[in-house]
Amino acid sequence: MRVIAKAYRDRPLDRVTVGEDGGVIFIANPAVDKAVRNTIGEGVGFPRRCVFAFDPDLFESLSEAWASADDVRLAALWERAVPLHVAEAA
């Protein structure tokens, strides 16, 4: 499932879920071949609170705000992000 992940310094990442374990959702870059992902551990664990339902317009706005270092706008945009529900991550 495609998601928006909130990375270091609130950077938005376009990712896909590859699994979950309790409060951690494992995500991977969709641009990376599945065979390569298998060799690097099938994804990176992110806290559930940092993974959101994918919205292409929101992702674009978040990316623009992050690139322009507009911290106020970035924080306001993150408030609009919809948290990923447990059933969706699996």
PDB file of N, CA and C in Angstrom:
ATOM      1  N   MET A   1       0.831  -1.167   0.000  1.00  0.00           N
ATOM      2  CA  MET A   1       0.000   0.000   0.000  1.00  0.00           C
ATOM      3  C   MET A   1       0.886   1.244   0.000  1.00  0.00           C
ATOM      4  N   ARG A   2       0.536   2.204  -0.794  1.00  0.00           N
ATOM      5  CA  ARG A   2       1.294   3.450  -0.883  1.00  0.00           C
ATOM      6  C   ARG A   2       0.948   4.353   0.300  1.00  0.00           C
ATOM      7  N   VAL A   3       1.969   4.968   0.892  1.00  0.00           N
ATOM      8  CA  VAL A   3       1.791   5.814   2.075  1.00  0.00           C
ATOM      9  C   VAL A   3       2.714   7.030   1.998  1.00  0.00           C
ATOM     10  N   ILE A   4       2.446   7.979   2.877  1.00  0.00           N
ATOM     11  CA  ILE A   4       3.369   9.096   3.100  1.00  0.00           C
ATOM     12  C   ILE A   4       4.015   8.848   4.459  1.00  0.00           C
ATOM     13  N   ALA A   5       5.330   8.840   4.483  1.00  0.00           N
ATOM     14  CA  ALA A   5       6.055   8.659   5.742  1.00  0.00           C
ATOM     15  C   ALA A   5       6.678   9.988   6.139  1.00  0.00           C
ATOM     16  N   LYS A   6       6.619  10.274   7.433  1.00  0.00           N
ATOM     17  CA  LYS A   6       7.216  11.496   7.980  1.00  0.00           C
ATOM     18  C   LYS A   6       8.606  11.128   8.488  1.00  0.00           C
ATOM     19  N   ALA A   7       9.624  11.568   7.759  1.00  0.00           N
ATOM     20  CA  ALA A   7      11.003  11.220   8.075  1.00  0.00           C
ATOM     21  C   ALA A   7      11.663  12.326   8.900  1.00  0.00           C
ATOM     22  N   TYR A   8      12.975  12.204   9.054  1.00  0.00           N
ATOM     23  CA  TYR A   8      13.772  13.162   9.813  1.00  0.00           C
ATOM     24  C   TYR A   8      13.503  14.588   9.348  1.00  0.00           C
ATOM     25  N   ARG A   9      13.321  15.479  10.306  1.00  0.00           N
ATOM     26  CA  ARG A   9      13.044  16.897  10.064  1.00  0.00           C
ATOM     27  C   ARG A   9      11.753  17.099   9.271  1.00  0.00           C
ATOM     28  N   ASP A  10      10.814  16.165   9.452  1.00  0.00           N
ATOM     29  CA  ASP A  10       9.480  16.218   8.849  1.00  0.00           C
ATOM     30  C   ASP A  10       9.468  16.091   7.328  1.00  0.00           C
ATOM     31  N   ARG A  11      10.524  15.522   6.778  1.00  0.00           N
ATOM     32  CA  ARG A  11      10.569  15.328   5.327  1.00  0.00           C
ATOM     33  C   ARG A  11       9.533  14.285   4.902  1.00  0.00           C
ATOM     34  N   PRO A  12       8.699  14.597   3.915  1.00  0.00           N
ATOM     35  CA  PRO A  12       7.722  13.621   3.436  1.00  0.00           C
ATOM     36  C   PRO A  12       8.369  12.644   2.457  1.00  0.00           C
ATOM     37  N   LEU A  13       8.038  11.360   2.615  1.00  0.00           N
ATOM     38  CA  LEU A  13       8.544  10.325   1.716  1.00  0.00           C
ATOM     39  C   LEU A  13       7.369   9.562   1.104  1.00  0.00           C
ATOM     40  N   ASP A  14       7.430   9.300  -0.177  1.00  0.00           N
ATOM     41  CA  ASP A  14       6.450   8.479  -0.877  1.00  0.00           C
ATOM     42  C   ASP A  14       6.956   7.043  -0.794  1.00  0.00           C
ATOM     43  N   ARG A  15       6.247   6.190  -0.059  1.00  0.00           N
ATOM     44  CA  ARG A  15       6.716   4.834   0.184  1.00  0.00           C
ATOM     45  C   ARG A  15       5.575   3.831   0.067  1.00  0.00           C
ATOM     46  N   VAL A  16       5.917   2.550   0.150  1.00  0.00           N
ATOM     47  CA  VAL A  16       4.932   1.473   0.199  1.00  0.00           C
ATOM     48  C   VAL A  16       5.166   0.669   1.470  1.00  0.00           C
ATOM     49  N   THR A  17       4.076   0.156   2.035  1.00  0.00           N
ATOM     50  CA  THR A  17       4.210  -0.676   3.216  1.00  0.00           C
ATOM     51  C   THR A  17       4.611  -2.087   2.792  1.00  0.00           C
ATOM     52  N   VAL A  18       5.460  -2.705   3.607  1.00  0.00           N
ATOM     53  CA  VAL A  18       5.878  -4.083   3.338  1.00  0.00           C
ATOM     54  C   VAL A  18       5.616  -4.985   4.541  1.00  0.00           C
ATOM     55  N   GLY A  19       5.097  -4.415   5.619  1.00  0.00           N
ATOM     56  CA  GLY A  19       4.772  -5.208   6.797  1.00  0.00           C
ATOM     57  C   GLY A  19       4.553  -4.326   8.002  1.00  0.00           C
ATOM     58  N   GLU A  20       4.151  -4.956   9.096  1.00  0.00           N
ATOM     59  CA  GLU A  20       3.979  -4.211  10.340  1.00  0.00           C
ATOM     60  C   GLU A  20       4.154  -5.149  11.519  1.00  0.00           C
ATOM     61  N   ASP A  21       4.571  -4.573  12.632  1.00  0.00           N
ATOM     62  CA  ASP A  21       4.768  -5.336  13.850  1.00  0.00           C
ATOM     63  C   ASP A  21       4.464  -4.417  15.016  1.00  0.00           C
ATOM     64  N   GLY A  22       3.266  -4.541  15.557  1.00  0.00           N
ATOM     65  CA  GLY A  22       2.864  -3.695  16.674  1.00  0.00           C
ATOM     66  C   GLY A  22       2.831  -2.235  16.291  1.00  0.00           C
ATOM     67  N   GLY A  23       3.657  -1.440  16.928  1.00  0.00           N
ATOM     68  CA  GLY A  23       3.682  -0.003  16.674  1.00  0.00           C
ATOM     69  C   GLY A  23       4.609   0.420  15.561  1.00  0.00           C
ATOM     70  N   VAL A  24       5.138  -0.547  14.806  1.00  0.00           N
ATOM     71  CA  VAL A  24       6.089  -0.234  13.743  1.00  0.00           C
ATOM     72  C   VAL A  24       5.525  -0.687  12.397  1.00  0.00           C
ATOM     73  N   ILE A  25       5.616   0.205  11.415  1.00  0.00           N
ATOM     74  CA  ILE A  25       5.228  -0.136  10.049  1.00  0.00           C
ATOM     75  C   ILE A  25       6.502  -0.138   9.216  1.00  0.00           C
ATOM     76  N   PHE A  26       6.711  -1.218   8.488  1.00  0.00           N
ATOM     77  CA  PHE A  26       7.896  -1.334   7.642  1.00  0.00           C
ATOM     78  C   PHE A  26       7.545  -0.824   6.251  1.00  0.00           C
ATOM     79  N   ILE A  27       8.382   0.088   5.768  1.00  0.00           N
ATOM     80  CA  ILE A  27       8.134   0.717   4.482  1.00  0.00           C
ATOM     81  C   ILE A  27       9.355   0.577   3.577  1.00  0.00           C
ATOM     82  N   ALA A  28       9.108   0.714   2.275  1.00  0.00           N
ATOM     83  CA  ALA A  28      10.198   0.628   1.305  1.00  0.00           C
ATOM     84  C   ALA A  28       9.943   1.631   0.191  1.00  0.00           C
ATOM     85  N   ASN A  29      11.000   1.988  -0.485  1.00  0.00           N
ATOM     86  CA  ASN A  29      10.906   2.884  -1.628  1.00  0.00           C
ATOM     87  C   ASN A  29      10.330   2.101  -2.799  1.00  0.00           C
ATOM     88  N   PRO A  30       9.210   2.558  -3.374  1.00  0.00           N
ATOM     89  CA  PRO A  30       8.617   1.801  -4.482  1.00  0.00           C
ATOM     90  C   PRO A  30       9.497   1.770  -5.725  1.00  0.00           C
ATOM     91  N   ALA A  31      10.473   2.657  -5.806  1.00  0.00           N
ATOM     92  CA  ALA A  31      11.371   2.693  -6.961  1.00  0.00           C
ATOM     93  C   ALA A  31      12.425   1.588  -6.898  1.00  0.00           C
ATOM     94  N   VAL A  32      12.580   0.976  -5.726  1.00  0.00           N
ATOM     95  CA  VAL A  32      13.579  -0.074  -5.551  1.00  0.00           C
ATOM     96  C   VAL A  32      12.956  -1.417  -5.909  1.00  0.00           C
ATOM     97  N   ASP A  33      13.623  -2.166  -6.721  1.00  0.00           N
ATOM     98  CA  ASP A  33      13.156  -3.475  -7.164  1.00  0.00           C
ATOM     99  C   ASP A  33      12.905  -4.402  -5.973  1.00  0.00           C
ATOM    100  N   LYS A  34      11.848  -5.186  -6.033  1.00  0.00           N
ATOM    101  CA  LYS A  34      11.483  -6.116  -4.959  1.00  0.00           C
ATOM    102  C   LYS A  34      12.636  -7.050  -4.598  1.00  0.00           C
ATOM    103  N   ALA A  35      13.388  -7.514  -5.576  1.00  0.00           N
ATOM    104  CA  ALA A  35      14.518  -8.403  -5.298  1.00  0.00           C
ATOM    105  C   ALA A  35      15.574  -7.702  -4.456  1.00  0.00           C
ATOM    106  N   VAL A  36      15.808  -6.430  -4.714  1.00  0.00           N
ATOM    107  CA  VAL A  36      16.783  -5.664  -3.935  1.00  0.00           C
ATOM    108  C   VAL A  36      16.264  -5.466  -2.517  1.00  0.00           C
ATOM    109  N   ARG A  37      14.967  -5.160  -2.380  1.00  0.00           N
ATOM    110  CA  ARG A  37      14.388  -4.972  -1.045  1.00  0.00           C
ATOM    111  C   ARG A  37      14.583  -6.215  -0.189  1.00  0.00           C
ATOM    112  N   ASN A  38      14.453  -7.381  -0.790  1.00  0.00           N
ATOM    113  CA  ASN A  38      14.634  -8.622  -0.027  1.00  0.00           C
ATOM    114  C   ASN A  38      16.033  -8.701   0.566  1.00  0.00           C
ATOM    115  N   THR A  39      17.022  -8.200  -0.131  1.00  0.00           N
ATOM    116  CA  THR A  39      18.390  -8.303   0.359  1.00  0.00           C
ATOM    117  C   THR A  39      18.723  -7.247   1.409  1.00  0.00           C
ATOM    118  N   ILE A  40      17.921  -6.198   1.525  1.00  0.00           N
ATOM    119  CA  ILE A  40      18.202  -5.163   2.532  1.00  0.00           C
ATOM    120  C   ILE A  40      17.203  -5.209   3.685  1.00  0.00           C
ATOM    121  N   GLY A  41      16.576  -6.334   3.881  1.00  0.00           N
ATOM    122  CA  GLY A  41      15.720  -6.496   5.048  1.00  0.00           C
ATOM    123  C   GLY A  41      14.265  -6.166   4.815  1.00  0.00           C
ATOM    124  N   GLU A  42      13.852  -6.000   3.574  1.00  0.00           N
ATOM    125  CA  GLU A  42      12.448  -5.789   3.219  1.00  0.00           C
ATOM    126  C   GLU A  42      11.848  -4.515   3.794  1.00  0.00           C
ATOM    127  N   GLY A  43      12.619  -3.509   4.007  1.00  0.00           N
ATOM    128  CA  GLY A  43      12.060  -2.223   4.413  1.00  0.00           C
ATOM    129  C   GLY A  43      12.661  -1.674   5.694  1.00  0.00           C
ATOM    130  N   VAL A  44      12.240  -0.470   6.005  1.00  0.00           N
ATOM    131  CA  VAL A  44      12.711   0.247   7.192  1.00  0.00           C
ATOM    132  C   VAL A  44      11.524   0.470   8.113  1.00  0.00           C
ATOM    133  N   GLY A  45      11.721   0.238   9.404  1.00  0.00           N
ATOM    134  CA  GLY A  45      10.642   0.417  10.373  1.00  0.00           C
ATOM    135  C   GLY A  45      10.435   1.875  10.743  1.00  0.00           C
ATOM    136  N   PHE A  46       9.199   2.327  10.646  1.00  0.00           N
ATOM    137  CA  PHE A  46       8.815   3.667  11.068  1.00  0.00           C
ATOM    138  C   PHE A  46       7.758   3.545  12.156  1.00  0.00           C
ATOM    139  N   PRO A  47       7.775   4.417  13.166  1.00  0.00           N
ATOM    140  CA  PRO A  47       6.705   4.400  14.165  1.00  0.00           C
ATOM    141  C   PRO A  47       5.364   4.641  13.456  1.00  0.00           C
ATOM    142  N   ARG A  48       4.338   3.960  13.904  1.00  0.00           N
ATOM    143  CA  ARG A  48       3.010   4.091  13.306  1.00  0.00           C
ATOM    144  C   ARG A  48       2.571   5.563  13.218  1.00  0.00           C
ATOM    145  N   ARG A  49       2.944   6.361  14.210  1.00  0.00           N
ATOM    146  CA  ARG A  49       2.532   7.769  14.228  1.00  0.00           C
ATOM    147  C   ARG A  49       3.163   8.594  13.104  1.00  0.00           C
ATOM    148  N   CYS A  50       4.114   8.005  12.387  1.00  0.00           N
ATOM    149  CA  CYS A  50       4.810   8.715  11.307  1.00  0.00           C
ATOM    150  C   CYS A  50       4.440   8.198   9.923  1.00  0.00           C
ATOM    151  N   VAL A  51       3.363   7.404   9.832  1.00  0.00           N
ATOM    152  CA  VAL A  51       2.952   6.844   8.544  1.00  0.00           C
ATOM    153  C   VAL A  51       1.493   7.204   8.297  1.00  0.00           C
ATOM    154  N   PHE A  52       1.227   7.740   7.100  1.00  0.00           N
ATOM    155  CA  PHE A  52      -0.084   8.295   6.786  1.00  0.00           C
ATOM    156  C   PHE A  52      -0.616   7.765   5.457  1.00  0.00           C
ATOM    157  N   ALA A  53      -1.946   7.801   5.319  1.00  0.00           N
ATOM    158  CA  ALA A  53      -2.587   7.414   4.064  1.00  0.00           C
ATOM    159  C   ALA A  53      -2.062   8.300   2.946  1.00  0.00           C
ATOM    160  N   PHE A  54      -1.869   7.714   1.766  1.00  0.00           N
ATOM    161  CA  PHE A  54      -1.321   8.496   0.656  1.00  0.00           C
ATOM    162  C   PHE A  54      -2.383   9.392   0.050  1.00  0.00           C
ATOM    163  N   ASP A  55      -2.014  10.649  -0.141  1.00  0.00           N
ATOM    164  CA  ASP A  55      -2.841  11.648  -0.821  1.00  0.00           C
ATOM    165  C   ASP A  55      -1.878  12.390  -1.745  1.00  0.00           C
ATOM    166  N   PRO A  56      -2.033  12.232  -3.067  1.00  0.00           N
ATOM    167  CA  PRO A  56      -1.055  12.823  -3.989  1.00  0.00           C
ATOM    168  C   PRO A  56      -0.949  14.346  -3.894  1.00  0.00           C
ATOM    169  N   ASP A  57      -2.065  15.023  -3.707  1.00  0.00           N
ATOM    170  CA  ASP A  57      -2.023  16.488  -3.600  1.00  0.00           C
ATOM    171  C   ASP A  57      -1.320  16.922  -2.321  1.00  0.00           C
ATOM    172  N   LEU A  58      -1.638  16.246  -1.225  1.00  0.00           N
ATOM    173  CA  LEU A  58      -0.979  16.572   0.038  1.00  0.00           C
ATOM    174  C   LEU A  58       0.511  16.277  -0.048  1.00  0.00           C
ATOM    175  N   PHE A  59       0.876  15.147  -0.638  1.00  0.00           N
ATOM    176  CA  PHE A  59       2.297  14.810  -0.768  1.00  0.00           C
ATOM    177  C   PHE A  59       3.036  15.884  -1.562  1.00  0.00           C
ATOM    178  N   GLU A  60       2.449  16.340  -2.649  1.00  0.00           N
ATOM    179  CA  GLU A  60       3.079  17.385  -3.451  1.00  0.00           C
ATOM    180  C   GLU A  60       3.257  18.667  -2.635  1.00  0.00           C
ATOM    181  N   SER A  61       2.223  19.056  -1.898  1.00  0.00           N
ATOM    182  CA  SER A  61       2.306  20.266  -1.071  1.00  0.00           C
ATOM    183  C   SER A  61       3.345  20.119   0.033  1.00  0.00           C
ATOM    184  N   LEU A  62       3.373  18.952   0.680  1.00  0.00           N
ATOM    185  CA  LEU A  62       4.371  18.695   1.723  1.00  0.00           C
ATOM    186  C   LEU A  62       5.783  18.777   1.146  1.00  0.00           C
ATOM    187  N   SER A  63       5.971  18.186  -0.015  1.00  0.00           N
ATOM    188  CA  SER A  63       7.295  18.185  -0.650  1.00  0.00           C
ATOM    189  C   SER A  63       7.745  19.602  -0.993  1.00  0.00           C
ATOM    190  N   GLU A  64       6.829  20.408  -1.500  1.00  0.00           N
ATOM    191  CA  GLU A  64       7.158  21.799  -1.829  1.00  0.00           C
ATOM    192  C   GLU A  64       7.508  22.592  -0.582  1.00  0.00           C
ATOM    193  N   ALA A  65       6.721  22.417   0.484  1.00  0.00           N
ATOM    194  CA  ALA A  65       6.988  23.134   1.736  1.00  0.00           C
ATOM    195  C   ALA A  65       8.326  22.703   2.328  1.00  0.00           C
ATOM    196  N   TRP A  66       8.619  21.397   2.262  1.00  0.00           N
ATOM    197  CA  TRP A  66       9.886  20.911   2.797  1.00  0.00           C
ATOM    198  C   TRP A  66      11.059  21.459   1.987  1.00  0.00           C
ATOM    199  N   ALA A  67      10.939  21.432   0.665  1.00  0.00           N
ATOM    200  CA  ALA A  67      12.019  21.906  -0.207  1.00  0.00           C
ATOM    201  C   ALA A  67      12.289  23.396  -0.025  1.00  0.00           C
ATOM    202  N   SER A  68      11.253  24.151   0.294  1.00  0.00           N
ATOM    203  CA  SER A  68      11.422  25.593   0.469  1.00  0.00           C
ATOM    204  C   SER A  68      11.725  25.974   1.919  1.00  0.00           C
ATOM    205  N   ALA A  69      11.853  24.965   2.786  1.00  0.00           N
ATOM    206  CA  ALA A  69      12.149  25.176   4.209  1.00  0.00           C
ATOM    207  C   ALA A  69      11.105  26.049   4.899  1.00  0.00           C
ATOM    208  N   ASP A  70       9.854  25.918   4.479  1.00  0.00           N
ATOM    209  CA  ASP A  70       8.744  26.663   5.075  1.00  0.00           C
ATOM    210  C   ASP A  70       8.168  25.824   6.217  1.00  0.00           C
ATOM    211  N   ASP A  71       8.803  25.916   7.382  1.00  0.00           N
ATOM    212  CA  ASP A  71       8.439  25.085   8.525  1.00  0.00           C
ATOM    213  C   ASP A  71       7.017  25.313   9.009  1.00  0.00           C
ATOM    214  N   VAL A  72       6.535  26.541   8.935  1.00  0.00           N
ATOM    215  CA  VAL A  72       5.170  26.850   9.380  1.00  0.00           C
ATOM    216  C   VAL A  72       4.157  26.161   8.468  1.00  0.00           C
ATOM    217  N   ARG A  73       4.344  26.299   7.170  1.00  0.00           N
ATOM    218  CA  ARG A  73       3.443  25.657   6.210  1.00  0.00           C
ATOM    219  C   ARG A  73       3.550  24.134   6.310  1.00  0.00           C
ATOM    220  N   LEU A  74       4.756  23.638   6.474  1.00  0.00           N
ATOM    221  CA  LEU A  74       4.972  22.199   6.580  1.00  0.00           C
ATOM    222  C   LEU A  74       4.213  21.626   7.781  1.00  0.00           C
ATOM    223  N   ALA A  75       4.309  22.283   8.920  1.00  0.00           N
ATOM    224  CA  ALA A  75       3.606  21.819  10.122  1.00  0.00           C
ATOM    225  C   ALA A  75       2.090  21.827   9.907  1.00  0.00           C
ATOM    226  N   ALA A  76       1.589  22.867   9.262  1.00  0.00           N
ATOM    227  CA  ALA A  76       0.147  22.959   8.999  1.00  0.00           C
ATOM    228  C   ALA A  76      -0.302  21.848   8.045  1.00  0.00           C
ATOM    229  N   LEU A  77       0.507  21.553   7.048  1.00  0.00           N
ATOM    230  CA  LEU A  77       0.163  20.489   6.105  1.00  0.00           C
ATOM    231  C   LEU A  77       0.171  19.115   6.773  1.00  0.00           C
ATOM    232  N   TRP A  78       1.154  18.866   7.636  1.00  0.00           N
ATOM    233  CA  TRP A  78       1.197  17.585   8.333  1.00  0.00           C
ATOM    234  C   TRP A  78      -0.044  17.379   9.193  1.00  0.00           C
ATOM    235  N   GLU A  79      -0.631  18.452   9.675  1.00  0.00           N
ATOM    236  CA  GLU A  79      -1.869  18.351  10.471  1.00  0.00           C
ATOM    237  C   GLU A  79      -3.018  17.785   9.642  1.00  0.00           C
ATOM    238  N   ARG A  80      -2.958  17.933   8.325  1.00  0.00           N
ATOM    239  CA  ARG A  80      -4.012  17.437   7.432  1.00  0.00           C
ATOM    240  C   ARG A  80      -3.828  15.961   7.076  1.00  0.00           C
ATOM    241  N   ALA A  81      -2.672  15.400   7.361  1.00  0.00           N
ATOM    242  CA  ALA A  81      -2.385  14.003   7.000  1.00  0.00           C
ATOM    243  C   ALA A  81      -3.249  13.055   7.831  1.00  0.00           C
ATOM    244  N   VAL A  82      -3.772  12.030   7.162  1.00  0.00           N
ATOM    245  CA  VAL A  82      -4.640  11.038   7.814  1.00  0.00           C
ATOM    246  C   VAL A  82      -3.790   9.853   8.264  1.00  0.00           C
ATOM    247  N   PRO A  83      -3.778   9.572   9.577  1.00  0.00           N
ATOM    248  CA  PRO A  83      -2.984   8.444  10.075  1.00  0.00           C
ATOM    249  C   PRO A  83      -3.401   7.131   9.416  1.00  0.00           C
ATOM    250  N   LEU A  84      -2.446   6.257   9.235  1.00  0.00           N
ATOM    251  CA  LEU A  84      -2.713   4.946   8.656  1.00  0.00           C
ATOM    252  C   LEU A  84      -3.307   4.054   9.741  1.00  0.00           C
ATOM    253  N   HIS A  85      -4.386   3.371   9.429  1.00  0.00           N
ATOM    254  CA  HIS A  85      -5.046   2.483  10.398  1.00  0.00           C
ATOM    255  C   HIS A  85      -4.375   1.107  10.370  1.00  0.00           C
ATOM    256  N   VAL A  86      -4.491   0.381  11.467  1.00  0.00           N
ATOM    257  CA  VAL A  86      -3.835  -0.912  11.610  1.00  0.00           C
ATOM    258  C   VAL A  86      -4.183  -1.861  10.460  1.00  0.00           C
ATOM    259  N   ALA A  87      -5.444  -1.983  10.120  1.00  0.00           N
ATOM    260  CA  ALA A  87      -5.869  -2.922   9.082  1.00  0.00           C
ATOM    261  C   ALA A  87      -5.303  -2.546   7.720  1.00  0.00           C
ATOM    262  N   GLU A  88      -5.056  -1.265   7.481  1.00  0.00           N
ATOM    263  CA  GLU A  88      -4.534  -0.808   6.203  1.00  0.00           C
ATOM    264  C   GLU A  88      -3.070  -1.168   6.013  1.00  0.00           C
ATOM    265  N   ALA A  89      -2.307  -1.231   7.090  1.00  0.00           N
ATOM    266  CA  ALA A  89      -0.865  -1.447   6.994  1.00  0.00           C
ATOM    267  C   ALA A  89      -0.514  -2.883   6.624  1.00  0.00           C
ATOM    268  N   ALA A  90      -1.387  -3.808   6.938  1.00  0.00           N
ATOM    269  CA  ALA A  90      -1.077  -5.229   6.697  1.00  0.00           C
ATOM    270  C   ALA A  90      -1.093  -5.599   5.243  1.00  0.00           C
TER     271      ALA A  90
END
